[in-house]
Amino acid sequence: MELTLGIVARTLFDAEMGEEVHEVGASLDVVMAYFLDPMRWFRIREYLPTPSTLRHRRAIRGLDRIVYRII
């Protein structure tokens, strides 16, 4: 996955990912686990500061930071 992310970033954006590839991979794992969790049907969880919600928000902020840097 890290190799693919590096190739995509280089091909589409002419950007070097470097060590950020690890952060992107870890963040994507958190985001996918959040959306695959059966509790996703309960919208209230998005407003509660549960550990999974906090991890998800942190992962999204990290991805946003990296994507905006590339753009």
PDB file of N, CA and C in Angstrom:
ATOM      1  N   MET A   1       0.823  -1.184   0.000  1.00  0.00           N
ATOM      2  CA  MET A   1       0.000   0.000   0.000  1.00  0.00           C
ATOM      3  C   MET A   1       0.869   1.250   0.000  1.00  0.00           C
ATOM      4  N   GLU A   2       1.977   1.214   0.741  1.00  0.00           N
ATOM      5  CA  GLU A   2       2.874   2.373   0.785  1.00  0.00           C
ATOM      6  C   GLU A   2       3.479   2.648  -0.581  1.00  0.00           C
ATOM      7  N   LEU A   3       3.858   1.605  -1.276  1.00  0.00           N
ATOM      8  CA  LEU A   3       4.412   1.771  -2.617  1.00  0.00           C
ATOM      9  C   LEU A   3       3.378   2.391  -3.545  1.00  0.00           C
ATOM     10  N   THR A   4       2.157   1.906  -3.483  1.00  0.00           N
ATOM     11  CA  THR A   4       1.083   2.437  -4.322  1.00  0.00           C
ATOM     12  C   THR A   4       0.822   3.907  -4.014  1.00  0.00           C
ATOM     13  N   LEU A   5       0.767   4.269  -2.733  1.00  0.00           N
ATOM     14  CA  LEU A   5       0.547   5.664  -2.362  1.00  0.00           C
ATOM     15  C   LEU A   5       1.676   6.554  -2.881  1.00  0.00           C
ATOM     16  N   GLY A   6       2.891   6.079  -2.778  1.00  0.00           N
ATOM     17  CA  GLY A   6       4.030   6.845  -3.283  1.00  0.00           C
ATOM     18  C   GLY A   6       3.961   7.047  -4.786  1.00  0.00           C
ATOM     19  N   ILE A   7       3.585   6.004  -5.505  1.00  0.00           N
ATOM     20  CA  ILE A   7       3.477   6.090  -6.960  1.00  0.00           C
ATOM     21  C   ILE A   7       2.349   7.032  -7.362  1.00  0.00           C
ATOM     22  N   VAL A   8       1.210   6.928  -6.701  1.00  0.00           N
ATOM     23  CA  VAL A   8       0.072   7.795  -7.014  1.00  0.00           C
ATOM     24  C   VAL A   8       0.423   9.256  -6.753  1.00  0.00           C
ATOM     25  N   ALA A   9       1.036   9.534  -5.620  1.00  0.00           N
ATOM     26  CA  ALA A   9       1.404  10.917  -5.293  1.00  0.00           C
ATOM     27  C   ALA A   9       2.401  11.468  -6.312  1.00  0.00           C
ATOM     28  N   ARG A  10       3.347  10.656  -6.686  1.00  0.00           N
ATOM     29  CA  ARG A  10       4.364  11.111  -7.649  1.00  0.00           C
ATOM     30  C   ARG A  10       3.756  11.305  -9.031  1.00  0.00           C
ATOM     31  N   THR A  11       2.891  10.393  -9.451  1.00  0.00           N
ATOM     32  CA  THR A  11       2.309  10.451 -10.790  1.00  0.00           C
ATOM     33  C   THR A  11       1.280  11.567 -10.923  1.00  0.00           C
ATOM     34  N   LEU A  12       0.358  11.655  -9.981  1.00  0.00           N
ATOM     35  CA  LEU A  12      -0.722  12.625 -10.102  1.00  0.00           C
ATOM     36  C   LEU A  12      -0.339  14.039  -9.679  1.00  0.00           C
ATOM     37  N   PHE A  13       0.505  14.137  -8.666  1.00  0.00           N
ATOM     38  CA  PHE A  13       0.784  15.458  -8.101  1.00  0.00           C
ATOM     39  C   PHE A  13       2.239  15.878  -8.195  1.00  0.00           C
ATOM     40  N   ASP A  14       3.089  15.027  -8.748  1.00  0.00           N
ATOM     41  CA  ASP A  14       4.527  15.292  -8.813  1.00  0.00           C
ATOM     42  C   ASP A  14       5.054  15.669  -7.429  1.00  0.00           C
ATOM     43  N   ALA A  15       4.622  14.907  -6.433  1.00  0.00           N
ATOM     44  CA  ALA A  15       5.001  15.166  -5.045  1.00  0.00           C
ATOM     45  C   ALA A  15       5.661  13.931  -4.446  1.00  0.00           C
ATOM     46  N   GLU A  16       6.683  14.167  -3.651  1.00  0.00           N
ATOM     47  CA  GLU A  16       7.337  13.094  -2.912  1.00  0.00           C
ATOM     48  C   GLU A  16       6.637  12.946  -1.565  1.00  0.00           C
ATOM     49  N   MET A  17       6.286  11.741  -1.213  1.00  0.00           N
ATOM     50  CA  MET A  17       5.597  11.503   0.053  1.00  0.00           C
ATOM     51  C   MET A  17       6.584  11.299   1.196  1.00  0.00           C
ATOM     52  N   GLY A  18       7.685  10.655   0.949  1.00  0.00           N
ATOM     53  CA  GLY A  18       8.660  10.414   1.999  1.00  0.00           C
ATOM     54  C   GLY A  18       8.083   9.598   3.138  1.00  0.00           C
ATOM     55  N   GLU A  19       8.310  10.074   4.350  1.00  0.00           N
ATOM     56  CA  GLU A  19       7.841   9.382   5.545  1.00  0.00           C
ATOM     57  C   GLU A  19       6.342   9.541   5.764  1.00  0.00           C
ATOM     58  N   GLU A  20       5.720  10.462   5.047  1.00  0.00           N
ATOM     59  CA  GLU A  20       4.283  10.664   5.204  1.00  0.00           C
ATOM     60  C   GLU A  20       3.484   9.463   4.713  1.00  0.00           C
ATOM     61  N   VAL A  21       4.095   8.617   3.917  1.00  0.00           N
ATOM     62  CA  VAL A  21       3.419   7.418   3.415  1.00  0.00           C
ATOM     63  C   VAL A  21       2.959   6.550   4.575  1.00  0.00           C
ATOM     64  N   HIS A  22       3.782   6.451   5.601  1.00  0.00           N
ATOM     65  CA  HIS A  22       3.417   5.644   6.775  1.00  0.00           C
ATOM     66  C   HIS A  22       2.202   6.245   7.483  1.00  0.00           C
ATOM     67  N   GLU A  23       2.206   7.574   7.615  1.00  0.00           N
ATOM     68  CA  GLU A  23       1.081   8.241   8.277  1.00  0.00           C
ATOM     69  C   GLU A  23      -0.202   8.087   7.474  1.00  0.00           C
ATOM     70  N   VAL A  24      -0.110   8.194   6.156  1.00  0.00           N
ATOM     71  CA  VAL A  24      -1.289   8.024   5.303  1.00  0.00           C
ATOM     72  C   VAL A  24      -1.829   6.602   5.436  1.00  0.00           C
ATOM     73  N   GLY A  25      -0.949   5.625   5.395  1.00  0.00           N
ATOM     74  CA  GLY A  25      -1.376   4.235   5.522  1.00  0.00           C
ATOM     75  C   GLY A  25      -2.056   3.969   6.853  1.00  0.00           C
ATOM     76  N   ALA A  26      -1.473   4.471   7.934  1.00  0.00           N
ATOM     77  CA  ALA A  26      -2.063   4.276   9.262  1.00  0.00           C
ATOM     78  C   ALA A  26      -3.402   4.997   9.375  1.00  0.00           C
ATOM     79  N   SER A  27      -3.477   6.208   8.827  1.00  0.00           N
ATOM     80  CA  SER A  27      -4.727   6.970   8.880  1.00  0.00           C
ATOM     81  C   SER A  27      -5.823   6.285   8.071  1.00  0.00           C
ATOM     82  N   LEU A  28      -5.474   5.764   6.920  1.00  0.00           N
ATOM     83  CA  LEU A  28      -6.466   5.063   6.105  1.00  0.00           C
ATOM     84  C   LEU A  28      -6.971   3.804   6.805  1.00  0.00           C
ATOM     85  N   ASP A  29      -6.089   3.114   7.519  1.00  0.00           N
ATOM     86  CA  ASP A  29      -6.521   1.948   8.301  1.00  0.00           C
ATOM     87  C   ASP A  29      -7.551   2.342   9.356  1.00  0.00           C
ATOM     88  N   VAL A  30      -7.303   3.462  10.046  1.00  0.00           N
ATOM     89  CA  VAL A  30      -8.231   3.937  11.081  1.00  0.00           C
ATOM     90  C   VAL A  30      -9.571   4.314  10.454  1.00  0.00           C
ATOM     91  N   VAL A  31      -9.529   5.050   9.337  1.00  0.00           N
ATOM     92  CA  VAL A  31     -10.764   5.492   8.685  1.00  0.00           C
ATOM     93  C   VAL A  31     -11.571   4.295   8.186  1.00  0.00           C
ATOM     94  N   MET A  32     -10.906   3.320   7.588  1.00  0.00           N
ATOM     95  CA  MET A  32     -11.625   2.138   7.088  1.00  0.00           C
ATOM     96  C   MET A  32     -12.227   1.340   8.236  1.00  0.00           C
ATOM     97  N   ALA A  33     -11.487   1.190   9.335  1.00  0.00           N
ATOM     98  CA  ALA A  33     -12.014   0.455  10.492  1.00  0.00           C
ATOM     99  C   ALA A  33     -13.226   1.173  11.070  1.00  0.00           C
ATOM    100  N   TYR A  34     -13.197   2.487  11.076  1.00  0.00           N
ATOM    101  CA  TYR A  34     -14.325   3.272  11.596  1.00  0.00           C
ATOM    102  C   TYR A  34     -15.578   3.037  10.761  1.00  0.00           C
ATOM    103  N   PHE A  35     -15.426   3.019   9.447  1.00  0.00           N
ATOM    104  CA  PHE A  35     -16.591   2.850   8.583  1.00  0.00           C
ATOM    105  C   PHE A  35     -17.044   1.396   8.459  1.00  0.00           C
ATOM    106  N   LEU A  36     -16.196   0.459   8.789  1.00  0.00           N
ATOM    107  CA  LEU A  36     -16.590  -0.949   8.747  1.00  0.00           C
ATOM    108  C   LEU A  36     -17.174  -1.428  10.073  1.00  0.00           C
ATOM    109  N   ASP A  37     -17.099  -0.601  11.089  1.00  0.00           N
ATOM    110  CA  ASP A  37     -17.635  -0.944  12.402  1.00  0.00           C
ATOM    111  C   ASP A  37     -19.163  -0.988  12.339  1.00  0.00           C
ATOM    112  N   PRO A  38     -19.792  -2.041  12.878  1.00  0.00           N
ATOM    113  CA  PRO A  38     -21.255  -2.137  12.855  1.00  0.00           C
ATOM    114  C   PRO A  38     -21.952  -0.983  13.580  1.00  0.00           C
ATOM    115  N   MET A  39     -21.262  -0.300  14.460  1.00  0.00           N
ATOM    116  CA  MET A  39     -21.851   0.823  15.182  1.00  0.00           C
ATOM    117  C   MET A  39     -22.054   2.046  14.287  1.00  0.00           C
ATOM    118  N   ARG A  40     -21.596   1.978  13.040  1.00  0.00           N
ATOM    119  CA  ARG A  40     -21.718   3.131  12.144  1.00  0.00           C
ATOM    120  C   ARG A  40     -23.171   3.501  11.882  1.00  0.00           C
ATOM    121  N   TRP A  41     -24.090   2.580  12.110  1.00  0.00           N
ATOM    122  CA  TRP A  41     -25.501   2.854  11.868  1.00  0.00           C
ATOM    123  C   TRP A  41     -26.083   3.797  12.910  1.00  0.00           C
ATOM    124  N   PHE A  42     -25.399   3.967  14.019  1.00  0.00           N
ATOM    125  CA  PHE A  42     -25.868   4.858  15.076  1.00  0.00           C
ATOM    126  C   PHE A  42     -25.168   6.207  14.919  1.00  0.00           C
ATOM    127  N   ARG A  43     -25.867   7.153  14.342  1.00  0.00           N
ATOM    128  CA  ARG A  43     -25.281   8.456  14.020  1.00  0.00           C
ATOM    129  C   ARG A  43     -24.832   9.214  15.273  1.00  0.00           C
ATOM    130  N   ILE A  44     -25.388   8.888  16.415  1.00  0.00           N
ATOM    131  CA  ILE A  44     -25.031   9.589  17.646  1.00  0.00           C
ATOM    132  C   ILE A  44     -23.548   9.425  17.955  1.00  0.00           C
ATOM    133  N   ARG A  45     -22.970   8.351  17.516  1.00  0.00           N
ATOM    134  CA  ARG A  45     -21.564   8.079  17.837  1.00  0.00           C
ATOM    135  C   ARG A  45     -20.642   9.137  17.236  1.00  0.00           C
ATOM    136  N   GLU A  46     -21.063   9.781  16.162  1.00  0.00           N
ATOM    137  CA  GLU A  46     -20.233  10.828  15.558  1.00  0.00           C
ATOM    138  C   GLU A  46     -20.101  12.043  16.465  1.00  0.00           C
ATOM    139  N   TYR A  47     -21.021  12.200  17.399  1.00  0.00           N
ATOM    140  CA  TYR A  47     -21.023  13.360  18.281  1.00  0.00           C
ATOM    141  C   TYR A  47     -20.454  13.058  19.655  1.00  0.00           C
ATOM    142  N   LEU A  48     -20.250  11.791  19.956  1.00  0.00           N
ATOM    143  CA  LEU A  48     -19.710  11.399  21.256  1.00  0.00           C
ATOM    144  C   LEU A  48     -18.199  11.266  21.176  1.00  0.00           C
ATOM    145  N   PRO A  49     -17.483  11.674  22.216  1.00  0.00           N
ATOM    146  CA  PRO A  49     -16.021  11.578  22.195  1.00  0.00           C
ATOM    147  C   PRO A  49     -15.513  10.187  22.589  1.00  0.00           C
ATOM    148  N   THR A  50     -15.953   9.167  21.851  1.00  0.00           N
ATOM    149  CA  THR A  50     -15.485   7.812  22.132  1.00  0.00           C
ATOM    150  C   THR A  50     -14.069   7.661  21.573  1.00  0.00           C
ATOM    151  N   PRO A  51     -13.300   6.694  22.046  1.00  0.00           N
ATOM    152  CA  PRO A  51     -11.943   6.519  21.533  1.00  0.00           C
ATOM    153  C   PRO A  51     -11.887   6.314  20.013  1.00  0.00           C
ATOM    154  N   SER A  52     -12.827   5.539  19.464  1.00  0.00           N
ATOM    155  CA  SER A  52     -12.795   5.317  18.017  1.00  0.00           C
ATOM    156  C   SER A  52     -13.133   6.591  17.248  1.00  0.00           C
ATOM    157  N   THR A  53     -14.035   7.392  17.766  1.00  0.00           N
ATOM    158  CA  THR A  53     -14.383   8.654  17.111  1.00  0.00           C
ATOM    159  C   THR A  53     -13.213   9.628  17.163  1.00  0.00           C
ATOM    160  N   LEU A  54     -12.533   9.700  18.285  1.00  0.00           N
ATOM    161  CA  LEU A  54     -11.376  10.580  18.410  1.00  0.00           C
ATOM    162  C   LEU A  54     -10.243  10.145  17.482  1.00  0.00           C
ATOM    163  N   ARG A  55     -10.006   8.828  17.391  1.00  0.00           N
ATOM    164  CA  ARG A  55      -8.986   8.327  16.465  1.00  0.00           C
ATOM    165  C   ARG A  55      -9.357   8.673  15.027  1.00  0.00           C
ATOM    166  N   HIS A  56     -10.634   8.514  14.689  1.00  0.00           N
ATOM    167  CA  HIS A  56     -11.106   8.814  13.339  1.00  0.00           C
ATOM    168  C   HIS A  56     -10.896  10.294  13.014  1.00  0.00           C
ATOM    169  N   ARG A  57     -11.273  11.168  13.911  1.00  0.00           N
ATOM    170  CA  ARG A  57     -11.102  12.603  13.686  1.00  0.00           C
ATOM    171  C   ARG A  57      -9.625  12.973  13.527  1.00  0.00           C
ATOM    172  N   ARG A  58      -8.761  12.374  14.355  1.00  0.00           N
ATOM    173  CA  ARG A  58      -7.325  12.634  14.273  1.00  0.00           C
ATOM    174  C   ARG A  58      -6.769  12.152  12.933  1.00  0.00           C
ATOM    175  N   ALA A  59      -7.241  10.988  12.481  1.00  0.00           N
ATOM    176  CA  ALA A  59      -6.788  10.446  11.203  1.00  0.00           C
ATOM    177  C   ALA A  59      -7.221  11.342  10.043  1.00  0.00           C
ATOM    178  N   ILE A  60      -8.443  11.836  10.094  1.00  0.00           N
ATOM    179  CA  ILE A  60      -8.948  12.725   9.046  1.00  0.00           C
ATOM    180  C   ILE A  60      -8.147  14.024   9.021  1.00  0.00           C
ATOM    181  N   ARG A  61      -7.850  14.579  10.193  1.00  0.00           N
ATOM    182  CA  ARG A  61      -7.034  15.807  10.241  1.00  0.00           C
ATOM    183  C   ARG A  61      -5.658  15.569   9.645  1.00  0.00           C
ATOM    184  N   GLY A  62      -5.066  14.426   9.941  1.00  0.00           N
ATOM    185  CA  GLY A  62      -3.756  14.105   9.379  1.00  0.00           C
ATOM    186  C   GLY A  62      -3.792  13.965   7.866  1.00  0.00           C
ATOM    187  N   LEU A  63      -4.810  13.285   7.364  1.00  0.00           N
ATOM    188  CA  LEU A  63      -4.960  13.140   5.910  1.00  0.00           C
ATOM    189  C   LEU A  63      -5.196  14.493   5.245  1.00  0.00           C
ATOM    190  N   ASP A  64      -6.034  15.310   5.850  1.00  0.00           N
ATOM    191  CA  ASP A  64      -6.272  16.656   5.312  1.00  0.00           C
ATOM    192  C   ASP A  64      -4.977  17.447   5.226  1.00  0.00           C
ATOM    193  N   ARG A  65      -4.180  17.408   6.288  1.00  0.00           N
ATOM    194  CA  ARG A  65      -2.931  18.156   6.324  1.00  0.00           C
ATOM    195  C   ARG A  65      -2.005  17.725   5.178  1.00  0.00           C
ATOM    196  N   ILE A  66      -1.903  16.420   4.972  1.00  0.00           N
ATOM    197  CA  ILE A  66      -1.016  15.903   3.933  1.00  0.00           C
ATOM    198  C   ILE A  66      -1.541  16.242   2.542  1.00  0.00           C
ATOM    199  N   VAL A  67      -2.831  16.066   2.328  1.00  0.00           N
ATOM    200  CA  VAL A  67      -3.415  16.356   1.023  1.00  0.00           C
ATOM    201  C   VAL A  67      -3.292  17.842   0.696  1.00  0.00           C
ATOM    202  N   TYR A  68      -3.560  18.726   1.666  1.00  0.00           N
ATOM    203  CA  TYR A  68      -3.452  20.152   1.397  1.00  0.00           C
ATOM    204  C   TYR A  68      -2.010  20.555   1.125  1.00  0.00           C
ATOM    205  N   ARG A  69      -1.053  19.894   1.759  1.00  0.00           N
ATOM    206  CA  ARG A  69       0.357  20.187   1.477  1.00  0.00           C
ATOM    207  C   ARG A  69       0.690  19.815   0.037  1.00  0.00           C
ATOM    208  N   ILE A  70       0.164  18.675  -0.408  1.00  0.00           N
ATOM    209  CA  ILE A  70       0.433  18.221  -1.776  1.00  0.00           C
ATOM    210  C   ILE A  70      -0.204  19.156  -2.793  1.00  0.00           C
ATOM    211  N   ILE A  71      -1.433  19.563  -2.500  1.00  0.00           N
ATOM    212  CA  ILE A  71      -2.135  20.460  -3.422  1.00  0.00           C
ATOM    213  C   ILE A  71      -1.447  21.806  -3.458  1.00  0.00           C
TER     214      ILE A  71
END
